[in-house]
PDB file of N, CA and C in Angstrom:
ATOM      1  N   MET A   1     -85.905 -35.716  13.810  1.00  0.00           N
ATOM      2  CA  MET A   1     -84.984 -36.403  12.930  1.00  0.00           C
ATOM      3  C   MET A   1     -83.998 -35.406  12.321  1.00  0.00           C
ATOM      4  N   ALA A   2     -82.988 -35.935  11.730  1.00  0.00           N
ATOM      5  CA  ALA A   2     -81.963 -35.085  11.117  1.00  0.00           C
ATOM      6  C   ALA A   2     -82.458 -34.516   9.795  1.00  0.00           C
ATOM      7  N   GLU A   3     -82.107 -33.256   9.573  1.00  0.00           N
ATOM      8  CA  GLU A   3     -82.494 -32.625   8.314  1.00  0.00           C
ATOM      9  C   GLU A   3     -81.536 -33.032   7.208  1.00  0.00           C
ATOM     10  N   GLU A   4     -82.086 -33.251   6.045  1.00  0.00           N
ATOM     11  CA  GLU A   4     -81.242 -33.571   4.900  1.00  0.00           C
ATOM     12  C   GLU A   4     -80.955 -32.291   4.133  1.00  0.00           C
ATOM     13  N   ARG A   5     -79.696 -32.054   3.861  1.00  0.00           N
ATOM     14  CA  ARG A   5     -79.309 -30.873   3.097  1.00  0.00           C
ATOM     15  C   ARG A   5     -78.804 -31.303   1.738  1.00  0.00           C
ATOM     16  N   GLU A   6     -79.159 -30.543   0.758  1.00  0.00           N
ATOM     17  CA  GLU A   6     -78.719 -30.843  -0.594  1.00  0.00           C
ATOM     18  C   GLU A   6     -77.625 -29.850  -0.986  1.00  0.00           C
ATOM     19  N   TYR A   7     -76.505 -30.373  -1.418  1.00  0.00           N
ATOM     20  CA  TYR A   7     -75.382 -29.538  -1.820  1.00  0.00           C
ATOM     21  C   TYR A   7     -75.290 -29.485  -3.333  1.00  0.00           C
ATOM     22  N   GLY A   8     -75.026 -28.303  -3.838  1.00  0.00           N
ATOM     23  CA  GLY A   8     -74.900 -28.146  -5.283  1.00  0.00           C
ATOM     24  C   GLY A   8     -73.498 -28.498  -5.752  1.00  0.00           C
ATOM     25  N   LEU A   9     -73.409 -29.035  -6.936  1.00  0.00           N
ATOM     26  CA  LEU A   9     -72.120 -29.340  -7.544  1.00  0.00           C
ATOM     27  C   LEU A   9     -71.868 -28.317  -8.645  1.00  0.00           C
ATOM     28  N   TYR A  10     -70.755 -27.636  -8.535  1.00  0.00           N
ATOM     29  CA  TYR A  10     -70.457 -26.566  -9.463  1.00  0.00           C
ATOM     30  C   TYR A  10     -69.285 -26.942 -10.358  1.00  0.00           C
ATOM     31  N   GLY A  11     -69.376 -26.546 -11.624  1.00  0.00           N
ATOM     32  CA  GLY A  11     -68.331 -26.881 -12.578  1.00  0.00           C
ATOM     33  C   GLY A  11     -67.025 -26.140 -12.335  1.00  0.00           C
ATOM     34  N   TYR A  12     -67.108 -24.951 -11.745  1.00  0.00           N
ATOM     35  CA  TYR A  12     -65.884 -24.179 -11.553  1.00  0.00           C
ATOM     36  C   TYR A  12     -64.989 -24.753 -10.466  1.00  0.00           C
ATOM     37  N   ARG A  13     -65.452 -25.733  -9.718  1.00  0.00           N
ATOM     38  CA  ARG A  13     -64.597 -26.354  -8.708  1.00  0.00           C
ATOM     39  C   ARG A  13     -63.396 -27.036  -9.362  1.00  0.00           C
ATOM     40  N   TRP A  14     -63.585 -27.534 -10.603  1.00  0.00           N
ATOM     41  CA  TRP A  14     -62.470 -28.161 -11.309  1.00  0.00           C
ATOM     42  C   TRP A  14     -61.448 -27.114 -11.733  1.00  0.00           C
ATOM     43  N   VAL A  15     -61.909 -25.919 -12.049  1.00  0.00           N
ATOM     44  CA  VAL A  15     -60.995 -24.827 -12.388  1.00  0.00           C
ATOM     45  C   VAL A  15     -60.181 -24.442 -11.160  1.00  0.00           C
ATOM     46  N   VAL A  16     -60.831 -24.355 -10.018  1.00  0.00           N
ATOM     47  CA  VAL A  16     -60.137 -24.027  -8.773  1.00  0.00           C
ATOM     48  C   VAL A  16     -59.133 -25.119  -8.425  1.00  0.00           C
ATOM     49  N   LEU A  17     -59.530 -26.370  -8.577  1.00  0.00           N
ATOM     50  CA  LEU A  17     -58.616 -27.483  -8.304  1.00  0.00           C
ATOM     51  C   LEU A  17     -57.420 -27.449  -9.241  1.00  0.00           C
ATOM     52  N   ALA A  18     -57.641 -27.202 -10.526  1.00  0.00           N
ATOM     53  CA  ALA A  18     -56.553 -27.140 -11.497  1.00  0.00           C
ATOM     54  C   ALA A  18     -55.605 -25.983 -11.170  1.00  0.00           C
ATOM     55  N   ALA A  19     -56.153 -24.838 -10.777  1.00  0.00           N
ATOM     56  CA  ALA A  19     -55.310 -23.699 -10.409  1.00  0.00           C
ATOM     57  C   ALA A  19     -54.475 -24.021  -9.181  1.00  0.00           C
ATOM     58  N   PHE A  20     -55.062 -24.666  -8.191  1.00  0.00           N
ATOM     59  CA  PHE A  20     -54.325 -25.053  -6.993  1.00  0.00           C
ATOM     60  C   PHE A  20     -53.212 -26.040  -7.328  1.00  0.00           C
ATOM     61  N   MET A  21     -53.508 -27.019  -8.190  1.00  0.00           N
ATOM     62  CA  MET A  21     -52.497 -28.000  -8.586  1.00  0.00           C
ATOM     63  C   MET A  21     -51.350 -27.327  -9.338  1.00  0.00           C
ATOM     64  N   PHE A  22     -51.666 -26.353 -10.184  1.00  0.00           N
ATOM     65  CA  PHE A  22     -50.637 -25.634 -10.915  1.00  0.00           C
ATOM     66  C   PHE A  22     -49.717 -24.869  -9.965  1.00  0.00           C
ATOM     67  N   VAL A  23     -50.305 -24.174  -9.011  1.00  0.00           N
ATOM     68  CA  VAL A  23     -49.504 -23.418  -8.039  1.00  0.00           C
ATOM     69  C   VAL A  23     -48.647 -24.367  -7.203  1.00  0.00           C
ATOM     70  N   ALA A  24     -49.184 -25.489  -6.792  1.00  0.00           N
ATOM     71  CA  ALA A  24     -48.425 -26.464  -6.013  1.00  0.00           C
ATOM     72  C   ALA A  24     -47.260 -27.033  -6.824  1.00  0.00           C
ATOM     73  N   ALA A  25     -47.483 -27.314  -8.101  1.00  0.00           N
ATOM     74  CA  ALA A  25     -46.416 -27.858  -8.952  1.00  0.00           C
ATOM     75  C   ALA A  25     -45.310 -26.829  -9.164  1.00  0.00           C
ATOM     76  N   VAL A  26     -45.680 -25.577  -9.379  1.00  0.00           N
ATOM     77  CA  VAL A  26     -44.670 -24.528  -9.565  1.00  0.00           C
ATOM     78  C   VAL A  26     -43.853 -24.347  -8.288  1.00  0.00           C
ATOM     79  N   THR A  27     -44.505 -24.411  -7.136  1.00  0.00           N
ATOM     80  CA  THR A  27     -43.797 -24.292  -5.863  1.00  0.00           C
ATOM     81  C   THR A  27     -42.788 -25.424  -5.704  1.00  0.00           C
ATOM     82  N   GLN A  28     -43.178 -26.640  -6.046  1.00  0.00           N
ATOM     83  CA  GLN A  28     -42.261 -27.771  -5.937  1.00  0.00           C
ATOM     84  C   GLN A  28     -41.081 -27.631  -6.896  1.00  0.00           C
ATOM     85  N   LEU A  29     -41.327 -27.129  -8.093  1.00  0.00           N
ATOM     86  CA  LEU A  29     -40.237 -26.914  -9.042  1.00  0.00           C
ATOM     87  C   LEU A  29     -39.255 -25.862  -8.524  1.00  0.00           C
ATOM     88  N   MET A  30     -39.769 -24.846  -7.867  1.00  0.00           N
ATOM     89  CA  MET A  30     -38.881 -23.825  -7.294  1.00  0.00           C
ATOM     90  C   MET A  30     -37.991 -24.437  -6.220  1.00  0.00           C
ATOM     91  N   TRP A  31     -38.547 -25.315  -5.366  1.00  0.00           N
ATOM     92  CA  TRP A  31     -37.739 -25.973  -4.337  1.00  0.00           C
ATOM     93  C   TRP A  31     -36.674 -26.870  -4.968  1.00  0.00           C
ATOM     94  N   LEU A  32     -37.003 -27.532  -6.069  1.00  0.00           N
ATOM     95  CA  LEU A  32     -36.022 -28.393  -6.735  1.00  0.00           C
ATOM     96  C   LEU A  32     -34.860 -27.590  -7.300  1.00  0.00           C
ATOM     97  N   ASN A  33     -35.108 -26.340  -7.674  1.00  0.00           N
ATOM     98  CA  ASN A  33     -34.030 -25.500  -8.174  1.00  0.00           C
ATOM     99  C   ASN A  33     -32.994 -25.190  -7.100  1.00  0.00           C
ATOM    100  N   TYR A  34     -33.398 -25.176  -5.834  1.00  0.00           N
ATOM    101  CA  TYR A  34     -32.480 -24.864  -4.739  1.00  0.00           C
ATOM    102  C   TYR A  34     -31.722 -26.084  -4.222  1.00  0.00           C
ATOM    103  N   ALA A  35     -32.076 -27.284  -4.618  1.00  0.00           N
ATOM    104  CA  ALA A  35     -31.447 -28.494  -4.098  1.00  0.00           C
ATOM    105  C   ALA A  35     -29.938 -28.543  -4.356  1.00  0.00           C
ATOM    106  N   PRO A  36     -29.446 -28.282  -5.575  1.00  0.00           N
ATOM    107  CA  PRO A  36     -27.991 -28.328  -5.789  1.00  0.00           C
ATOM    108  C   PRO A  36     -27.253 -27.242  -5.002  1.00  0.00           C
ATOM    109  N   ILE A  37     -27.870 -26.099  -4.860  1.00  0.00           N
ATOM    110  CA  ILE A  37     -27.240 -25.011  -4.124  1.00  0.00           C
ATOM    111  C   ILE A  37     -27.104 -25.381  -2.655  1.00  0.00           C
ATOM    112  N   THR A  38     -28.103 -26.074  -2.116  1.00  0.00           N
ATOM    113  CA  THR A  38     -28.086 -26.459  -0.708  1.00  0.00           C
ATOM    114  C   THR A  38     -26.937 -27.411  -0.414  1.00  0.00           C
ATOM    115  N   SER A  39     -26.747 -28.413  -1.261  1.00  0.00           N
ATOM    116  CA  SER A  39     -25.676 -29.380  -1.002  1.00  0.00           C
ATOM    117  C   SER A  39     -24.294 -28.729  -1.129  1.00  0.00           C
ATOM    118  N   GLN A  40     -24.126 -27.832  -2.083  1.00  0.00           N
ATOM    119  CA  GLN A  40     -22.845 -27.130  -2.216  1.00  0.00           C
ATOM    120  C   GLN A  40     -22.582 -26.211  -1.032  1.00  0.00           C
ATOM    121  N   THR A  41     -23.622 -25.566  -0.543  1.00  0.00           N
ATOM    122  CA  THR A  41     -23.477 -24.684   0.611  1.00  0.00           C
ATOM    123  C   THR A  41     -23.131 -25.481   1.857  1.00  0.00           C
ATOM    124  N   GLN A  42     -23.707 -26.662   2.006  1.00  0.00           N
ATOM    125  CA  GLN A  42     -23.372 -27.510   3.165  1.00  0.00           C
ATOM    126  C   GLN A  42     -21.901 -27.870   3.142  1.00  0.00           C
ATOM    127  N   GLU A  43     -21.370 -28.211   1.981  1.00  0.00           N
ATOM    128  CA  GLU A  43     -19.961 -28.557   1.876  1.00  0.00           C
ATOM    129  C   GLU A  43     -19.077 -27.342   2.166  1.00  0.00           C
ATOM    130  N   LEU A  44     -19.480 -26.193   1.667  1.00  0.00           N
ATOM    131  CA  LEU A  44     -18.700 -24.970   1.855  1.00  0.00           C
ATOM    132  C   LEU A  44     -18.655 -24.553   3.322  1.00  0.00           C
ATOM    133  N   MET A  45     -19.795 -24.653   4.010  1.00  0.00           N
ATOM    134  CA  MET A  45     -19.873 -24.215   5.397  1.00  0.00           C
ATOM    135  C   MET A  45     -19.452 -25.308   6.383  1.00  0.00           C
ATOM    136  N   GLY A  46     -19.329 -26.539   5.915  1.00  0.00           N
ATOM    137  CA  GLY A  46     -18.908 -27.639   6.787  1.00  0.00           C
ATOM    138  C   GLY A  46     -19.986 -28.075   7.771  1.00  0.00           C
ATOM    139  N   VAL A  47     -21.235 -28.012   7.337  1.00  0.00           N
ATOM    140  CA  VAL A  47     -22.337 -28.455   8.202  1.00  0.00           C
ATOM    141  C   VAL A  47     -23.044 -29.632   7.553  1.00  0.00           C
ATOM    142  N   SER A  48     -23.829 -30.323   8.374  1.00  0.00           N
ATOM    143  CA  SER A  48     -24.561 -31.475   7.823  1.00  0.00           C
ATOM    144  C   SER A  48     -25.991 -31.125   7.501  1.00  0.00           C
TER     145      SER A  48
END
C-alpha cells in the first residue's frame, strides 16, 4: 500500500510569502514607472 507522509506546517512560510509579494509589488511599480517613457519613445522613433 501507499505510505502516508506527514508534512509539517511552519509559521515562517507566511513571512516568505509576504516577502515574495512585496518584491513582486515593487517590481510591478518599477514597470509602471517606465510606461509613460515607452509611449513617448514610440512616438519619437515612429514605431508601433
